[in-house]
Amino acid sequence: MFHINVHLAIMDIFRPFIAPEQQHGFRSYLPQGASPTSIFAASVKQLKSLIFEYTSQHPPTHYNQLFPDSIIYAVNAVLKDKLDPSQRFYFFYYIHLGQKFMSMGGGRAVNGTMQALLALAHDRGAITSAEAVKFTEKFRVDEECAGGGESRHGEVEGAGGKEGRGENGWAVDMDLAIADTKAAAVDLLVTRFEEITLFNEFTEGIV
């Protein structure tokens, strides 16, 4: 988990200096003439690899309480790489990991984070509203199984960490958070998710 957090820190350091469309596509681990862009992209690549390694070595019951942070960062990264044929695979894999964490006692904080990430994916064209809706009932069941209470890691230090929190919760849209933490917060994105699911219910069979 330490190495995962190192790469999250690197991404936080360099993100403000790199356009979103330049934050992916890097294929080599040690570039010639390292630049902020290549360093950031290398950390994205390493983060994706480390998440696979971490989840293959540890059962969900042993996931670190800060593990949802890595899911937020990874999802933000894969949603930018629209040319990656594996984009949807990675996205659904990370959502699945979030569901596992929630079923082990992640509670409402992780539930909200997953809904916010689904809203982000929908608005960036990675998933349809129907696909977003499919997760709604599963989230509800997982939250009930987890007791529907506080997150294992608490509301104050939830996914996104202390510094990532705005007045509406922790930041989930990491690029937007650079300029507007409030607009990038989990609460507003959860509201957006509810709008998406509600619209889908009203238009089902019509459009």
N, C-alpha and C. Protein backbone atom coordinates (compact mmCIF):
# COMPACT_ATOMS: atom_id res chain seq x y z
N MET A 1 0.83 -1.20 0.00
CA MET A 1 0.00 0.00 0.00
C MET A 1 0.87 1.26 0.00
N PHE A 2 2.05 1.15 0.58
CA PHE A 2 2.96 2.29 0.62
C PHE A 2 3.30 2.77 -0.79
N HIS A 3 3.63 1.83 -1.68
CA HIS A 3 4.01 2.20 -3.03
C HIS A 3 2.83 2.80 -3.80
N ILE A 4 1.63 2.32 -3.52
CA ILE A 4 0.44 2.91 -4.14
C ILE A 4 0.33 4.37 -3.72
N ASN A 5 0.49 4.64 -2.43
CA ASN A 5 0.37 6.01 -1.94
C ASN A 5 1.46 6.92 -2.48
N VAL A 6 2.63 6.36 -2.73
CA VAL A 6 3.71 7.16 -3.35
C VAL A 6 3.28 7.67 -4.72
N HIS A 7 2.68 6.79 -5.50
CA HIS A 7 2.26 7.20 -6.85
C HIS A 7 1.07 8.15 -6.81
N LEU A 8 0.20 8.01 -5.82
CA LEU A 8 -0.89 8.97 -5.66
C LEU A 8 -0.33 10.35 -5.37
N ALA A 9 0.70 10.40 -4.53
CA ALA A 9 1.34 11.68 -4.20
C ALA A 9 2.00 12.30 -5.43
N ILE A 10 2.68 11.47 -6.22
CA ILE A 10 3.32 11.96 -7.45
C ILE A 10 2.28 12.55 -8.39
N MET A 11 1.15 11.87 -8.53
CA MET A 11 0.09 12.35 -9.41
C MET A 11 -0.47 13.68 -8.91
N ASP A 12 -0.60 13.82 -7.59
CA ASP A 12 -1.08 15.08 -7.03
C ASP A 12 -0.10 16.22 -7.29
N ILE A 13 1.16 15.93 -7.22
CA ILE A 13 2.19 16.96 -7.42
C ILE A 13 2.19 17.48 -8.85
N PHE A 14 2.09 16.56 -9.82
CA PHE A 14 2.24 16.96 -11.22
C PHE A 14 0.93 17.27 -11.94
N ARG A 15 -0.21 16.83 -11.39
CA ARG A 15 -1.49 17.02 -12.07
C ARG A 15 -1.78 18.48 -12.47
N PRO A 16 -1.51 19.46 -11.60
CA PRO A 16 -1.84 20.85 -11.97
C PRO A 16 -1.08 21.38 -13.18
N PHE A 17 0.02 20.72 -13.54
CA PHE A 17 0.86 21.22 -14.62
C PHE A 17 0.67 20.46 -15.94
N ILE A 18 -0.29 19.51 -15.95
CA ILE A 18 -0.46 18.67 -17.14
C ILE A 18 -1.92 18.70 -17.58
N ALA A 19 -2.14 18.90 -18.86
CA ALA A 19 -3.50 18.86 -19.41
C ALA A 19 -4.04 17.44 -19.29
N PRO A 20 -5.34 17.28 -19.03
CA PRO A 20 -5.92 15.94 -18.86
C PRO A 20 -5.62 14.99 -20.01
N GLU A 21 -5.62 15.50 -21.24
CA GLU A 21 -5.39 14.62 -22.39
C GLU A 21 -3.95 14.14 -22.49
N GLN A 22 -3.06 14.68 -21.67
CA GLN A 22 -1.65 14.27 -21.69
C GLN A 22 -1.29 13.37 -20.51
N GLN A 23 -2.30 12.95 -19.75
CA GLN A 23 -2.04 12.19 -18.53
C GLN A 23 -2.07 10.68 -18.73
N HIS A 24 -1.95 10.23 -19.94
CA HIS A 24 -2.01 8.80 -20.20
C HIS A 24 -1.24 8.49 -21.48
N GLY A 25 -1.24 7.23 -21.86
CA GLY A 25 -0.63 6.82 -23.12
C GLY A 25 0.84 6.51 -23.05
N PHE A 26 1.43 6.60 -21.85
CA PHE A 26 2.85 6.34 -21.71
C PHE A 26 3.09 4.84 -21.64
N ARG A 27 4.02 4.33 -22.40
CA ARG A 27 4.22 2.88 -22.49
C ARG A 27 5.55 2.38 -21.89
N SER A 28 6.49 3.27 -21.64
CA SER A 28 7.80 2.86 -21.13
C SER A 28 7.94 3.31 -19.67
N TYR A 29 8.60 2.48 -18.85
CA TYR A 29 8.71 2.81 -17.44
C TYR A 29 9.71 3.93 -17.17
N LEU A 30 10.88 3.88 -17.81
CA LEU A 30 11.90 4.90 -17.60
C LEU A 30 12.14 5.66 -18.90
N PRO A 31 11.50 6.81 -19.07
CA PRO A 31 11.63 7.56 -20.32
C PRO A 31 12.97 8.25 -20.44
N GLN A 32 13.35 8.55 -21.67
CA GLN A 32 14.53 9.35 -21.91
C GLN A 32 14.11 10.80 -21.75
N GLY A 33 14.83 11.57 -20.95
CA GLY A 33 14.47 12.95 -20.75
C GLY A 33 13.15 13.08 -20.03
N ALA A 34 13.11 12.64 -18.77
CA ALA A 34 11.86 12.64 -18.00
C ALA A 34 11.27 14.04 -17.92
N SER A 35 9.96 14.12 -18.11
CA SER A 35 9.22 15.37 -18.04
C SER A 35 8.05 15.17 -17.09
N PRO A 36 7.40 16.25 -16.64
CA PRO A 36 6.23 16.08 -15.79
C PRO A 36 5.18 15.17 -16.42
N THR A 37 4.98 15.30 -17.73
CA THR A 37 3.99 14.47 -18.41
C THR A 37 4.34 13.00 -18.35
N SER A 38 5.60 12.67 -18.65
CA SER A 38 6.00 11.26 -18.66
C SER A 38 6.05 10.69 -17.25
N ILE A 39 6.43 11.52 -16.27
CA ILE A 39 6.46 11.06 -14.88
C ILE A 39 5.04 10.75 -14.40
N PHE A 40 4.11 11.64 -14.71
CA PHE A 40 2.72 11.43 -14.32
C PHE A 40 2.17 10.17 -14.96
N ALA A 41 2.38 10.04 -16.28
CA ALA A 41 1.86 8.88 -16.99
C ALA A 41 2.49 7.58 -16.49
N ALA A 42 3.76 7.65 -16.11
CA ALA A 42 4.42 6.46 -15.57
C ALA A 42 3.80 6.05 -14.24
N SER A 43 3.44 7.04 -13.43
CA SER A 43 2.79 6.74 -12.15
C SER A 43 1.40 6.14 -12.36
N VAL A 44 0.70 6.61 -13.40
CA VAL A 44 -0.59 6.03 -13.72
C VAL A 44 -0.43 4.55 -14.06
N LYS A 45 0.57 4.27 -14.90
CA LYS A 45 0.81 2.89 -15.30
C LYS A 45 1.17 2.02 -14.09
N GLN A 46 2.03 2.54 -13.23
CA GLN A 46 2.44 1.78 -12.06
C GLN A 46 1.28 1.60 -11.08
N LEU A 47 0.44 2.62 -10.95
CA LEU A 47 -0.72 2.52 -10.06
C LEU A 47 -1.64 1.39 -10.51
N LYS A 48 -1.93 1.32 -11.79
CA LYS A 48 -2.80 0.26 -12.31
C LYS A 48 -2.21 -1.11 -12.04
N SER A 49 -0.90 -1.22 -12.21
CA SER A 49 -0.23 -2.50 -11.97
C SER A 49 -0.23 -2.86 -10.48
N LEU A 50 0.01 -1.87 -9.63
CA LEU A 50 0.06 -2.12 -8.19
C LEU A 50 -1.31 -2.50 -7.62
N ILE A 51 -2.36 -1.93 -8.18
CA ILE A 51 -3.71 -2.30 -7.72
C ILE A 51 -3.98 -3.76 -8.03
N PHE A 52 -3.60 -4.20 -9.23
CA PHE A 52 -3.75 -5.62 -9.57
C PHE A 52 -2.96 -6.48 -8.60
N GLU A 53 -1.72 -6.09 -8.34
CA GLU A 53 -0.86 -6.87 -7.45
C GLU A 53 -1.42 -6.90 -6.02
N TYR A 54 -1.86 -5.75 -5.55
CA TYR A 54 -2.38 -5.64 -4.18
C TYR A 54 -3.62 -6.51 -3.99
N THR A 55 -4.55 -6.42 -4.94
CA THR A 55 -5.81 -7.17 -4.79
C THR A 55 -5.64 -8.66 -5.04
N SER A 56 -4.57 -9.04 -5.73
CA SER A 56 -4.31 -10.47 -5.93
C SER A 56 -3.64 -11.09 -4.71
N GLN A 57 -2.98 -10.25 -3.91
CA GLN A 57 -2.26 -10.75 -2.74
C GLN A 57 -3.06 -10.65 -1.44
N HIS A 58 -4.11 -9.81 -1.45
CA HIS A 58 -4.87 -9.60 -0.21
C HIS A 58 -6.37 -9.81 -0.47
N PRO A 59 -7.06 -10.53 0.40
CA PRO A 59 -8.51 -10.68 0.27
C PRO A 59 -9.18 -9.36 0.67
N PRO A 60 -10.42 -9.14 0.24
CA PRO A 60 -11.12 -7.89 0.57
C PRO A 60 -11.15 -7.58 2.07
N THR A 61 -11.21 -8.60 2.90
CA THR A 61 -11.26 -8.37 4.34
C THR A 61 -9.98 -7.74 4.87
N HIS A 62 -8.90 -7.80 4.08
CA HIS A 62 -7.62 -7.25 4.51
C HIS A 62 -7.25 -5.98 3.75
N TYR A 63 -8.17 -5.44 2.95
CA TYR A 63 -7.87 -4.20 2.24
C TYR A 63 -7.60 -3.08 3.23
N ASN A 64 -6.60 -2.28 2.94
CA ASN A 64 -6.28 -1.12 3.77
C ASN A 64 -7.44 -0.13 3.75
N GLN A 65 -7.64 0.59 4.85
CA GLN A 65 -8.76 1.51 4.95
C GLN A 65 -8.66 2.68 3.96
N LEU A 66 -7.47 2.94 3.45
CA LEU A 66 -7.30 4.01 2.48
C LEU A 66 -7.30 3.51 1.04
N PHE A 67 -7.59 2.24 0.86
CA PHE A 67 -7.57 1.67 -0.49
C PHE A 67 -8.51 2.37 -1.46
N PRO A 68 -9.71 2.84 -1.02
CA PRO A 68 -10.59 3.54 -1.97
C PRO A 68 -9.95 4.76 -2.63
N ASP A 69 -8.95 5.37 -1.96
CA ASP A 69 -8.25 6.49 -2.59
C ASP A 69 -7.66 6.08 -3.93
N SER A 70 -7.05 4.91 -3.96
CA SER A 70 -6.40 4.45 -5.19
C SER A 70 -7.42 4.20 -6.30
N ILE A 71 -8.63 3.77 -5.92
CA ILE A 71 -9.68 3.55 -6.91
C ILE A 71 -10.09 4.88 -7.54
N ILE A 72 -10.23 5.92 -6.73
CA ILE A 72 -10.59 7.24 -7.26
C ILE A 72 -9.55 7.71 -8.27
N TYR A 73 -8.29 7.62 -7.92
CA TYR A 73 -7.22 8.07 -8.80
C TYR A 73 -7.16 7.23 -10.07
N ALA A 74 -7.30 5.92 -9.92
CA ALA A 74 -7.21 5.04 -11.08
C ALA A 74 -8.36 5.27 -12.05
N VAL A 75 -9.57 5.43 -11.52
CA VAL A 75 -10.72 5.67 -12.39
C VAL A 75 -10.56 7.00 -13.13
N ASN A 76 -10.15 8.03 -12.44
CA ASN A 76 -9.91 9.31 -13.10
C ASN A 76 -8.92 9.16 -14.24
N ALA A 77 -7.91 8.33 -14.04
CA ALA A 77 -6.90 8.14 -15.08
C ALA A 77 -7.44 7.39 -16.28
N VAL A 78 -8.13 6.28 -16.06
CA VAL A 78 -8.58 5.46 -17.19
C VAL A 78 -9.68 6.15 -17.99
N LEU A 79 -10.47 7.01 -17.35
CA LEU A 79 -11.54 7.70 -18.06
C LEU A 79 -11.00 8.71 -19.07
N LYS A 80 -9.76 9.14 -18.88
CA LYS A 80 -9.17 10.10 -19.81
C LYS A 80 -8.64 9.44 -21.08
N ASP A 81 -8.30 8.17 -20.98
CA ASP A 81 -7.69 7.48 -22.11
C ASP A 81 -8.77 6.82 -22.97
N LYS A 82 -9.46 7.64 -23.76
CA LYS A 82 -10.59 7.15 -24.54
C LYS A 82 -10.17 6.22 -25.68
N LEU A 83 -8.90 6.26 -26.04
CA LEU A 83 -8.42 5.40 -27.12
C LEU A 83 -7.96 4.04 -26.63
N ASP A 84 -7.94 3.86 -25.33
CA ASP A 84 -7.50 2.59 -24.75
C ASP A 84 -8.64 1.56 -24.87
N PRO A 85 -8.43 0.47 -25.62
CA PRO A 85 -9.49 -0.54 -25.76
C PRO A 85 -9.84 -1.23 -24.44
N SER A 86 -8.97 -1.10 -23.45
CA SER A 86 -9.20 -1.73 -22.15
C SER A 86 -9.86 -0.78 -21.15
N GLN A 87 -10.26 0.39 -21.61
CA GLN A 87 -10.79 1.40 -20.69
C GLN A 87 -11.96 0.89 -19.86
N ARG A 88 -12.95 0.30 -20.54
CA ARG A 88 -14.13 -0.16 -19.82
C ARG A 88 -13.81 -1.34 -18.89
N PHE A 89 -12.90 -2.20 -19.32
CA PHE A 89 -12.49 -3.31 -18.45
C PHE A 89 -11.92 -2.78 -17.14
N TYR A 90 -10.97 -1.82 -17.26
CA TYR A 90 -10.38 -1.26 -16.05
C TYR A 90 -11.43 -0.56 -15.19
N PHE A 91 -12.30 0.20 -15.82
CA PHE A 91 -13.30 0.94 -15.06
C PHE A 91 -14.20 0.00 -14.25
N PHE A 92 -14.76 -1.00 -14.91
CA PHE A 92 -15.66 -1.91 -14.21
C PHE A 92 -14.91 -2.74 -13.16
N TYR A 93 -13.64 -3.02 -13.43
CA TYR A 93 -12.83 -3.73 -12.45
C TYR A 93 -12.69 -2.90 -11.18
N TYR A 94 -12.43 -1.59 -11.31
CA TYR A 94 -12.26 -0.74 -10.14
C TYR A 94 -13.59 -0.56 -9.39
N ILE A 95 -14.69 -0.46 -10.12
CA ILE A 95 -15.99 -0.37 -9.46
C ILE A 95 -16.27 -1.67 -8.68
N HIS A 96 -15.89 -2.79 -9.29
CA HIS A 96 -16.07 -4.09 -8.62
C HIS A 96 -15.26 -4.14 -7.33
N LEU A 97 -14.04 -3.60 -7.34
CA LEU A 97 -13.22 -3.57 -6.13
C LEU A 97 -13.88 -2.70 -5.06
N GLY A 98 -14.47 -1.59 -5.49
CA GLY A 98 -15.17 -0.74 -4.54
C GLY A 98 -16.34 -1.45 -3.90
N GLN A 99 -17.05 -2.23 -4.70
CA GLN A 99 -18.18 -3.00 -4.17
C GLN A 99 -17.69 -4.04 -3.15
N LYS A 100 -16.56 -4.66 -3.43
CA LYS A 100 -16.00 -5.63 -2.48
C LYS A 100 -15.67 -4.94 -1.17
N PHE A 101 -15.04 -3.78 -1.27
CA PHE A 101 -14.67 -3.04 -0.06
C PHE A 101 -15.91 -2.66 0.73
N MET A 102 -16.95 -2.23 0.03
CA MET A 102 -18.19 -1.82 0.68
C MET A 102 -18.86 -2.99 1.38
N SER A 103 -18.83 -4.16 0.75
CA SER A 103 -19.47 -5.34 1.35
C SER A 103 -18.73 -5.82 2.60
N MET A 104 -17.47 -5.40 2.73
CA MET A 104 -16.69 -5.77 3.91
C MET A 104 -16.82 -4.75 5.03
N GLY A 105 -17.70 -3.75 4.84
CA GLY A 105 -17.91 -2.75 5.90
C GLY A 105 -17.53 -1.35 5.48
N GLY A 106 -17.41 -1.12 4.17
CA GLY A 106 -17.02 0.22 3.69
C GLY A 106 -18.08 1.27 3.97
N GLY A 107 -19.36 0.86 3.98
CA GLY A 107 -20.42 1.75 4.35
C GLY A 107 -20.75 2.83 3.33
N ARG A 108 -21.43 3.87 3.82
CA ARG A 108 -21.98 4.90 2.94
C ARG A 108 -20.90 5.71 2.23
N ALA A 109 -19.77 5.90 2.88
CA ALA A 109 -18.72 6.71 2.26
C ALA A 109 -18.25 6.09 0.95
N VAL A 110 -18.02 4.78 0.95
CA VAL A 110 -17.58 4.10 -0.27
C VAL A 110 -18.74 4.00 -1.26
N ASN A 111 -19.95 3.79 -0.77
CA ASN A 111 -21.13 3.77 -1.63
C ASN A 111 -21.22 5.08 -2.41
N GLY A 112 -21.09 6.20 -1.70
CA GLY A 112 -21.14 7.50 -2.35
C GLY A 112 -20.03 7.69 -3.35
N THR A 113 -18.84 7.22 -2.98
CA THR A 113 -17.70 7.34 -3.89
C THR A 113 -17.94 6.57 -5.19
N MET A 114 -18.46 5.37 -5.10
CA MET A 114 -18.71 4.56 -6.29
C MET A 114 -19.78 5.21 -7.17
N GLN A 115 -20.82 5.75 -6.56
CA GLN A 115 -21.87 6.43 -7.32
C GLN A 115 -21.29 7.65 -8.02
N ALA A 116 -20.45 8.39 -7.32
CA ALA A 116 -19.82 9.57 -7.91
C ALA A 116 -18.95 9.19 -9.11
N LEU A 117 -18.22 8.09 -9.00
CA LEU A 117 -17.37 7.65 -10.11
C LEU A 117 -18.21 7.19 -11.30
N LEU A 118 -19.35 6.58 -11.03
CA LEU A 118 -20.26 6.20 -12.12
C LEU A 118 -20.81 7.43 -12.83
N ALA A 119 -21.15 8.47 -12.07
CA ALA A 119 -21.62 9.71 -12.68
C ALA A 119 -20.53 10.32 -13.54
N LEU A 120 -19.31 10.28 -13.05
CA LEU A 120 -18.17 10.82 -13.80
C LEU A 120 -17.98 10.04 -15.11
N ALA A 121 -18.07 8.72 -15.02
CA ALA A 121 -17.90 7.88 -16.21
C ALA A 121 -19.01 8.13 -17.22
N HIS A 122 -20.23 8.28 -16.74
CA HIS A 122 -21.36 8.55 -17.63
C HIS A 122 -21.17 9.87 -18.36
N ASP A 123 -20.80 10.91 -17.62
CA ASP A 123 -20.66 12.23 -18.22
C ASP A 123 -19.47 12.32 -19.18
N ARG A 124 -18.54 11.39 -19.06
CA ARG A 124 -17.40 11.36 -19.98
C ARG A 124 -17.59 10.34 -21.10
N GLY A 125 -18.78 9.76 -21.16
CA GLY A 125 -19.12 8.88 -22.27
C GLY A 125 -18.58 7.47 -22.18
N ALA A 126 -18.11 7.06 -21.00
CA ALA A 126 -17.54 5.72 -20.87
C ALA A 126 -18.60 4.66 -20.63
N ILE A 127 -19.74 5.05 -20.02
CA ILE A 127 -20.83 4.11 -19.77
C ILE A 127 -22.16 4.78 -20.11
N THR A 128 -23.19 3.98 -20.29
CA THR A 128 -24.53 4.50 -20.56
C THR A 128 -25.29 4.69 -19.26
N SER A 129 -26.41 5.40 -19.33
CA SER A 129 -27.23 5.57 -18.13
C SER A 129 -27.79 4.23 -17.66
N ALA A 130 -28.12 3.36 -18.61
CA ALA A 130 -28.64 2.03 -18.24
C ALA A 130 -27.59 1.24 -17.47
N GLU A 131 -26.34 1.35 -17.87
CA GLU A 131 -25.27 0.65 -17.15
C GLU A 131 -25.10 1.23 -15.75
N ALA A 132 -25.23 2.54 -15.63
CA ALA A 132 -25.12 3.17 -14.31
C ALA A 132 -26.24 2.69 -13.39
N VAL A 133 -27.44 2.57 -13.95
CA VAL A 133 -28.59 2.15 -13.16
C VAL A 133 -28.42 0.74 -12.62
N LYS A 134 -27.79 -0.13 -13.40
CA LYS A 134 -27.62 -1.53 -12.99
C LYS A 134 -26.89 -1.66 -11.66
N PHE A 135 -26.05 -0.67 -11.36
CA PHE A 135 -25.28 -0.73 -10.12
C PHE A 135 -26.08 -0.26 -8.91
N THR A 136 -27.18 0.45 -9.14
CA THR A 136 -27.91 1.07 -8.05
C THR A 136 -28.38 0.05 -7.01
N GLU A 137 -29.05 -1.00 -7.46
CA GLU A 137 -29.57 -2.00 -6.54
C GLU A 137 -28.43 -2.75 -5.84
N LYS A 138 -27.36 -3.02 -6.58
CA LYS A 138 -26.21 -3.71 -5.98
C LYS A 138 -25.61 -2.86 -4.87
N PHE A 139 -25.48 -1.55 -5.10
CA PHE A 139 -24.97 -0.66 -4.07
C PHE A 139 -25.86 -0.70 -2.83
N ARG A 140 -27.17 -0.69 -3.06
CA ARG A 140 -28.11 -0.68 -1.95
C ARG A 140 -27.99 -1.96 -1.13
N VAL A 141 -27.88 -3.08 -1.81
CA VAL A 141 -27.74 -4.36 -1.12
C VAL A 141 -26.44 -4.41 -0.33
N ASP A 142 -25.34 -3.95 -0.96
CA ASP A 142 -24.05 -3.97 -0.28
C ASP A 142 -24.05 -3.08 0.96
N GLU A 143 -24.69 -1.92 0.84
CA GLU A 143 -24.75 -1.01 1.98
C GLU A 143 -25.55 -1.62 3.12
N GLU A 144 -26.64 -2.31 2.79
CA GLU A 144 -27.45 -2.96 3.83
C GLU A 144 -26.67 -4.09 4.49
N CYS A 145 -25.90 -4.83 3.68
CA CYS A 145 -25.09 -5.92 4.24
C CYS A 145 -24.01 -5.37 5.16
N ALA A 146 -23.53 -4.17 4.81
CA ALA A 146 -22.47 -3.56 5.62
C ALA A 146 -23.02 -2.86 6.85
N GLY A 147 -24.34 -2.86 7.01
CA GLY A 147 -24.95 -2.24 8.18
C GLY A 147 -25.45 -0.84 7.95
N GLY A 148 -25.14 -0.30 6.72
CA GLY A 148 -25.63 1.02 6.37
C GLY A 148 -25.11 2.12 7.26
N GLY A 149 -24.02 1.85 7.99
CA GLY A 149 -23.53 2.85 8.93
C GLY A 149 -22.30 3.55 8.44
N GLU A 150 -21.50 3.97 9.42
CA GLU A 150 -20.29 4.70 9.12
C GLU A 150 -19.31 3.83 8.36
N SER A 151 -18.50 4.48 7.55
CA SER A 151 -17.45 3.77 6.85
C SER A 151 -16.43 3.25 7.85
N ARG A 152 -15.75 2.17 7.48
CA ARG A 152 -14.68 1.65 8.31
C ARG A 152 -13.64 2.73 8.54
N HIS A 153 -13.42 3.57 7.51
CA HIS A 153 -12.40 4.59 7.62
C HIS A 153 -12.99 5.93 8.02
N GLY A 154 -14.30 5.96 8.30
CA GLY A 154 -14.92 7.17 8.85
C GLY A 154 -15.28 8.18 7.80
N GLU A 155 -16.15 9.10 8.17
CA GLU A 155 -16.59 10.13 7.24
C GLU A 155 -15.54 11.22 7.07
N VAL A 156 -14.77 11.50 8.13
CA VAL A 156 -13.84 12.62 8.06
C VAL A 156 -12.62 12.27 7.24
N GLU A 157 -12.13 11.05 7.37
CA GLU A 157 -10.96 10.66 6.63
C GLU A 157 -11.33 9.63 5.58
N GLY A 158 -12.40 9.87 4.89
CA GLY A 158 -12.87 8.95 3.88
C GLY A 158 -12.04 9.00 2.63
N ALA A 159 -12.51 8.31 1.59
CA ALA A 159 -11.78 8.26 0.34
C ALA A 159 -11.47 9.67 -0.11
N GLY A 160 -10.24 9.86 -0.56
CA GLY A 160 -9.82 11.18 -0.97
C GLY A 160 -8.97 11.84 0.10
N GLY A 161 -9.01 11.33 1.35
CA GLY A 161 -8.16 11.84 2.40
C GLY A 161 -8.64 13.15 2.99
N LYS A 162 -7.98 13.61 4.05
CA LYS A 162 -8.38 14.84 4.73
C LYS A 162 -8.27 16.04 3.81
N GLU A 163 -7.14 16.17 3.13
CA GLU A 163 -6.90 17.35 2.34
C GLU A 163 -7.77 17.41 1.11
N GLY A 164 -8.30 16.26 0.67
CA GLY A 164 -9.13 16.25 -0.52
C GLY A 164 -10.57 16.63 -0.26
N ARG A 165 -10.93 16.85 1.04
CA ARG A 165 -12.32 17.13 1.36
C ARG A 165 -12.65 18.58 1.13
N GLY A 166 -13.81 18.84 0.50
CA GLY A 166 -14.36 20.18 0.42
C GLY A 166 -15.56 20.22 1.33
N GLU A 167 -16.35 21.30 1.27
CA GLU A 167 -17.48 21.42 2.17
C GLU A 167 -18.59 20.44 1.80
N ASN A 168 -18.51 19.84 0.60
CA ASN A 168 -19.49 18.85 0.18
C ASN A 168 -18.88 17.46 0.11
N GLY A 169 -17.84 17.22 0.90
CA GLY A 169 -17.21 15.91 0.89
C GLY A 169 -15.85 15.95 0.20
N TRP A 170 -15.25 14.78 0.05
CA TRP A 170 -13.94 14.68 -0.55
C TRP A 170 -14.03 14.79 -2.07
N ALA A 171 -12.93 15.19 -2.68
CA ALA A 171 -12.89 15.36 -4.13
C ALA A 171 -12.89 14.00 -4.82
N VAL A 172 -13.65 13.89 -5.90
CA VAL A 172 -13.68 12.67 -6.71
C VAL A 172 -13.23 12.96 -8.13
N ASP A 173 -13.63 14.11 -8.69
CA ASP A 173 -13.13 14.53 -10.00
C ASP A 173 -11.83 15.28 -9.76
N MET A 174 -10.71 14.57 -9.88
CA MET A 174 -9.43 15.12 -9.45
C MET A 174 -8.95 16.30 -10.28
N ASP A 175 -9.24 16.33 -11.57
CA ASP A 175 -8.83 17.46 -12.39
C ASP A 175 -9.65 18.70 -12.06
N LEU A 176 -10.94 18.54 -11.93
CA LEU A 176 -11.81 19.66 -11.58
C LEU A 176 -11.47 20.21 -10.21
N ALA A 177 -11.02 19.35 -9.31
CA ALA A 177 -10.71 19.75 -7.94
C ALA A 177 -9.60 20.79 -7.89
N ILE A 178 -8.74 20.83 -8.90
CA ILE A 178 -7.65 21.80 -8.94
C ILE A 178 -8.20 23.22 -8.95
N ALA A 179 -9.29 23.42 -9.72
CA ALA A 179 -9.86 24.76 -9.87
C ALA A 179 -11.09 24.98 -9.00
N ASP A 180 -11.84 23.91 -8.72
CA ASP A 180 -13.12 24.06 -7.99
C ASP A 180 -13.37 22.80 -7.17
N THR A 181 -12.89 22.80 -5.94
CA THR A 181 -13.02 21.63 -5.07
C THR A 181 -14.48 21.31 -4.80
N LYS A 182 -15.30 22.34 -4.63
CA LYS A 182 -16.71 22.13 -4.33
C LYS A 182 -17.41 21.39 -5.46
N ALA A 183 -17.16 21.80 -6.70
CA ALA A 183 -17.81 21.18 -7.86
C ALA A 183 -17.33 19.75 -8.08
N ALA A 184 -16.14 19.44 -7.58
CA ALA A 184 -15.56 18.10 -7.76
C ALA A 184 -15.90 17.16 -6.63
N ALA A 185 -16.66 17.63 -5.64
CA ALA A 185 -16.91 16.86 -4.42
C ALA A 185 -17.88 15.71 -4.63
N VAL A 186 -17.76 14.73 -3.77
CA VAL A 186 -18.55 13.50 -3.88
C VAL A 186 -20.05 13.78 -3.79
N ASP A 187 -20.46 14.69 -2.89
CA ASP A 187 -21.89 14.92 -2.70
C ASP A 187 -22.57 15.41 -3.98
N LEU A 188 -21.92 16.34 -4.68
CA LEU A 188 -22.51 16.86 -5.91
C LEU A 188 -22.55 15.81 -7.01
N LEU A 189 -21.52 14.97 -7.06
CA LEU A 189 -21.50 13.91 -8.07
C LEU A 189 -22.50 12.81 -7.75
N VAL A 190 -22.76 12.56 -6.46
CA VAL A 190 -23.79 11.61 -6.09
C VAL A 190 -25.16 12.14 -6.52
N THR A 191 -25.37 13.44 -6.34
CA THR A 191 -26.61 14.06 -6.82
C THR A 191 -26.74 13.89 -8.33
N ARG A 192 -25.63 14.06 -9.03
CA ARG A 192 -25.63 13.87 -10.48
C ARG A 192 -25.98 12.42 -10.83
N PHE A 193 -25.45 11.47 -10.07
CA PHE A 193 -25.76 10.06 -10.29
C PHE A 193 -27.26 9.80 -10.12
N GLU A 194 -27.84 10.41 -9.10
CA GLU A 194 -29.28 10.24 -8.86
C GLU A 194 -30.10 10.81 -10.01
N GLU A 195 -29.63 11.94 -10.57
CA GLU A 195 -30.32 12.53 -11.72
C GLU A 195 -30.27 11.58 -12.92
N ILE A 196 -29.11 10.96 -13.12
CA ILE A 196 -28.95 10.03 -14.24
C ILE A 196 -29.89 8.84 -14.10
N THR A 197 -29.93 8.25 -12.91
CA THR A 197 -30.77 7.07 -12.69
C THR A 197 -32.26 7.43 -12.76
N LEU A 198 -32.60 8.61 -12.24
CA LEU A 198 -34.00 9.03 -12.28
C LEU A 198 -34.45 9.27 -13.71
N PHE A 199 -33.60 9.92 -14.50
CA PHE A 199 -33.93 10.18 -15.90
C PHE A 199 -34.10 8.88 -16.66
N ASN A 200 -33.24 7.90 -16.36
CA ASN A 200 -33.33 6.61 -17.04
C ASN A 200 -34.65 5.91 -16.72
N GLU A 201 -35.10 6.02 -15.45
CA GLU A 201 -36.37 5.40 -15.06
C GLU A 201 -37.55 6.02 -15.80
N PHE A 202 -37.52 7.35 -15.96
CA PHE A 202 -38.63 8.04 -16.61
C PHE A 202 -38.65 7.79 -18.11
N THR A 203 -37.48 7.56 -18.70
CA THR A 203 -37.41 7.43 -20.16
C THR A 203 -37.29 5.99 -20.62
N GLU A 204 -37.26 5.04 -19.69
CA GLU A 204 -37.13 3.64 -20.07
C GLU A 204 -38.29 3.22 -20.99
N GLY A 205 -37.94 2.68 -22.13
CA GLY A 205 -38.94 2.24 -23.10
C GLY A 205 -39.44 3.35 -24.01
N ILE A 206 -38.96 4.60 -23.74
CA ILE A 206 -39.40 5.74 -24.56
C ILE A 206 -38.31 6.16 -25.53
N VAL A 207 -37.05 6.25 -25.00
CA VAL A 207 -35.93 6.65 -25.85
C VAL A 207 -34.89 5.54 -25.85
